[in-house]
Protein backbone atom coordinates (compact mmCIF):
# COMPACT_ATOMS: atom_id res chain seq x y z
CA UNK A 1 -11.42 0.29 5.77
CA UNK A 2 -14.32 2.26 5.17
CA UNK A 3 -15.56 2.49 1.60
CA UNK A 4 -18.41 3.11 -0.49
CA UNK A 5 -19.92 4.60 3.29
CA UNK A 6 -19.32 0.96 4.69
CA UNK A 7 -16.46 -0.38 7.12
CA UNK A 8 -14.57 -3.73 6.58
CA UNK A 9 -12.44 -5.69 8.09
CA UNK A 10 -10.33 -7.11 5.74
CA UNK A 11 -8.08 -10.09 6.61
CA UNK A 12 -4.51 -9.38 5.53
CA UNK A 13 -2.18 -12.18 4.86
CA UNK A 14 0.98 -10.12 4.55
CA UNK A 15 3.74 -11.80 2.03
CA UNK A 16 7.07 -11.16 3.51
CA UNK A 17 9.07 -12.28 0.72
CA UNK A 18 9.27 -11.22 -2.42
CA UNK A 19 10.28 -7.61 -2.90
CA UNK A 20 13.05 -7.04 -5.24
CA UNK A 21 15.55 -4.07 -3.77
CA UNK A 22 17.27 -2.35 -6.45
CA UNK A 23 20.55 0.38 -5.90
CA UNK A 24 18.63 2.77 -8.03
CA UNK A 25 18.23 6.04 -5.29
CA UNK A 26 16.31 9.12 -5.49
CA UNK A 27 15.35 11.89 -3.19
CA UNK A 28 11.50 12.24 -2.24
CA UNK A 29 9.79 14.68 0.57
CA UNK A 30 13.44 15.11 1.21
CA UNK A 31 14.48 11.75 2.14
CA UNK A 32 16.52 9.65 -0.19
CA UNK A 33 14.61 6.68 -0.86
CA UNK A 34 15.87 3.09 -3.01
CA UNK A 35 13.01 1.31 -5.24
CA UNK A 36 11.29 -2.10 -4.74
CA UNK A 37 9.76 -3.83 -6.94
CA UNK A 38 7.89 -7.43 -6.55
CA UNK A 39 4.85 -8.90 -8.61
CA UNK A 40 1.59 -9.82 -6.59
CA UNK A 41 -1.37 -11.73 -7.89
CA UNK A 42 -5.17 -10.38 -7.00
CA UNK A 43 -7.36 -13.27 -8.69
CA UNK A 44 -4.45 -16.22 -8.47
CA UNK A 45 -4.22 -15.89 -12.68
CA UNK A 46 -2.49 -12.34 -13.79
CA UNK A 47 -0.28 -10.40 -12.29
CA UNK A 48 0.79 -7.01 -12.00
CA UNK A 49 3.65 -5.00 -10.96
CA UNK A 50 4.17 -2.96 -7.76
CA UNK A 51 7.48 -0.51 -7.30
CA UNK A 52 7.50 1.18 -3.61
CA UNK A 53 10.60 3.76 -2.97
CA UNK A 54 11.39 3.62 0.71
CA UNK A 55 13.51 6.06 3.26
CA UNK A 56 15.94 3.28 5.74
CA UNK A 57 15.75 7.33 6.81
CA UNK A 58 12.17 6.07 8.52
CA UNK A 59 12.94 2.49 10.05
CA UNK A 60 9.31 1.41 10.04
CA UNK A 61 7.81 -1.16 7.56
CA UNK A 62 4.95 -0.56 6.72
CA UNK A 63 3.38 1.36 4.03
CA UNK A 64 0.20 2.43 1.47
CA UNK A 65 -2.75 -0.13 1.83
CA UNK A 66 -1.18 -3.74 2.63
CA UNK A 67 2.72 -3.04 1.17
CA UNK A 68 5.16 -3.07 3.65
CA UNK A 69 7.86 -5.41 5.37
CA UNK A 70 10.50 -3.37 3.54
CA UNK A 71 13.80 -1.45 5.19
CA UNK A 72 12.05 1.62 5.59
CA UNK A 73 9.08 3.55 5.31
CA UNK A 74 7.49 3.61 1.46
CA UNK A 75 7.11 7.15 0.55
CA UNK A 76 5.96 6.17 -2.85
CA UNK A 77 3.78 3.31 -4.32
CA UNK A 78 2.68 2.60 -8.02
CA UNK A 79 0.40 -0.62 -8.26
CA UNK A 80 -0.72 -0.23 -11.92
CA UNK A 81 -1.67 3.43 -12.08
CA UNK A 82 -2.86 3.47 -8.90
CA UNK A 83 -0.24 6.08 -6.68
CA UNK A 84 -0.05 6.46 -3.48
CA UNK A 85 2.97 8.82 -2.36
CA UNK A 86 4.01 11.03 0.62
CA UNK A 87 3.50 14.83 -0.09
CA UNK A 88 4.41 16.08 3.71
CA UNK A 89 5.95 14.25 6.32
CA UNK A 90 5.59 15.32 9.75
CA UNK A 91 7.81 13.59 12.81
CA UNK A 92 5.28 13.69 15.60
CA UNK A 93 6.93 12.37 18.99
CA UNK A 94 3.79 12.12 20.73
CA UNK A 95 2.10 9.29 21.42
CA UNK A 96 -1.37 8.11 18.99
CA UNK A 97 -3.90 5.78 19.69
CA UNK A 98 -6.20 4.87 17.64
CA UNK A 99 -9.19 3.06 17.23
CA UNK A 100 -9.66 -0.15 15.51
CA UNK A 101 -12.86 -1.34 14.14
CA UNK A 102 -14.80 -3.72 16.06
CA UNK A 103 -17.63 -4.13 14.06
CA UNK A 104 -18.01 -4.28 10.01
CA UNK A 105 -18.59 -6.80 6.86
CA UNK A 106 -15.72 -9.19 7.01
CA UNK A 107 -13.98 -9.68 3.90
CA UNK A 108 -10.91 -11.14 2.32
CA UNK A 109 -7.69 -9.25 0.82
CA UNK A 110 -8.48 -10.50 -2.02
CA UNK A 111 -12.25 -10.16 -2.30
CA UNK A 112 -11.72 -6.94 -1.35
CA UNK A 113 -8.99 -5.78 -3.75
CA UNK A 114 -11.96 -7.49 -6.73
CA UNK A 115 -14.10 -5.28 -5.94
CA UNK A 116 -12.07 -1.76 -5.97
CA UNK A 117 -11.14 -2.43 -9.44
CA UNK A 118 -14.88 -2.95 -9.77
CA UNK A 119 -14.91 -0.02 -8.90
CA UNK A 120 -12.15 1.80 -10.88
CA UNK A 121 -13.00 -0.01 -13.94
CA UNK A 122 -16.53 1.24 -13.14
CA UNK A 123 -15.39 4.90 -13.05
CA UNK A 124 -12.94 4.63 -15.90
CA UNK A 125 -15.86 3.36 -17.96
CA UNK A 126 -17.94 6.90 -17.05
CA UNK A 127 -15.27 8.85 -18.47
């Protein structure tokens, strides 16, 4: 992950449990999506709500940042006001090669989240 001009190697342990999947649905970028929610702790004390909308039509159990483990691609995710969404989806049948960084500062997901939260709070206080 690149952030503020530095590369970070984040030790991510994905929580495979905890999603509550509802029957509530809506269309995002032409795909029928279903709502899933969970609460996570970034600091071991306070829990924040996560709302994800995923589509089983694209059977990839991935999403933005470290979220996934749902029965379809996450097209919308809201983490305490920070929103990720798919504006356009292009299906590319070609194999894509990408490089995994081999060097960078090793950091835990929890510490990386704290760093991001601090940067967001700094931006909020400047506005």
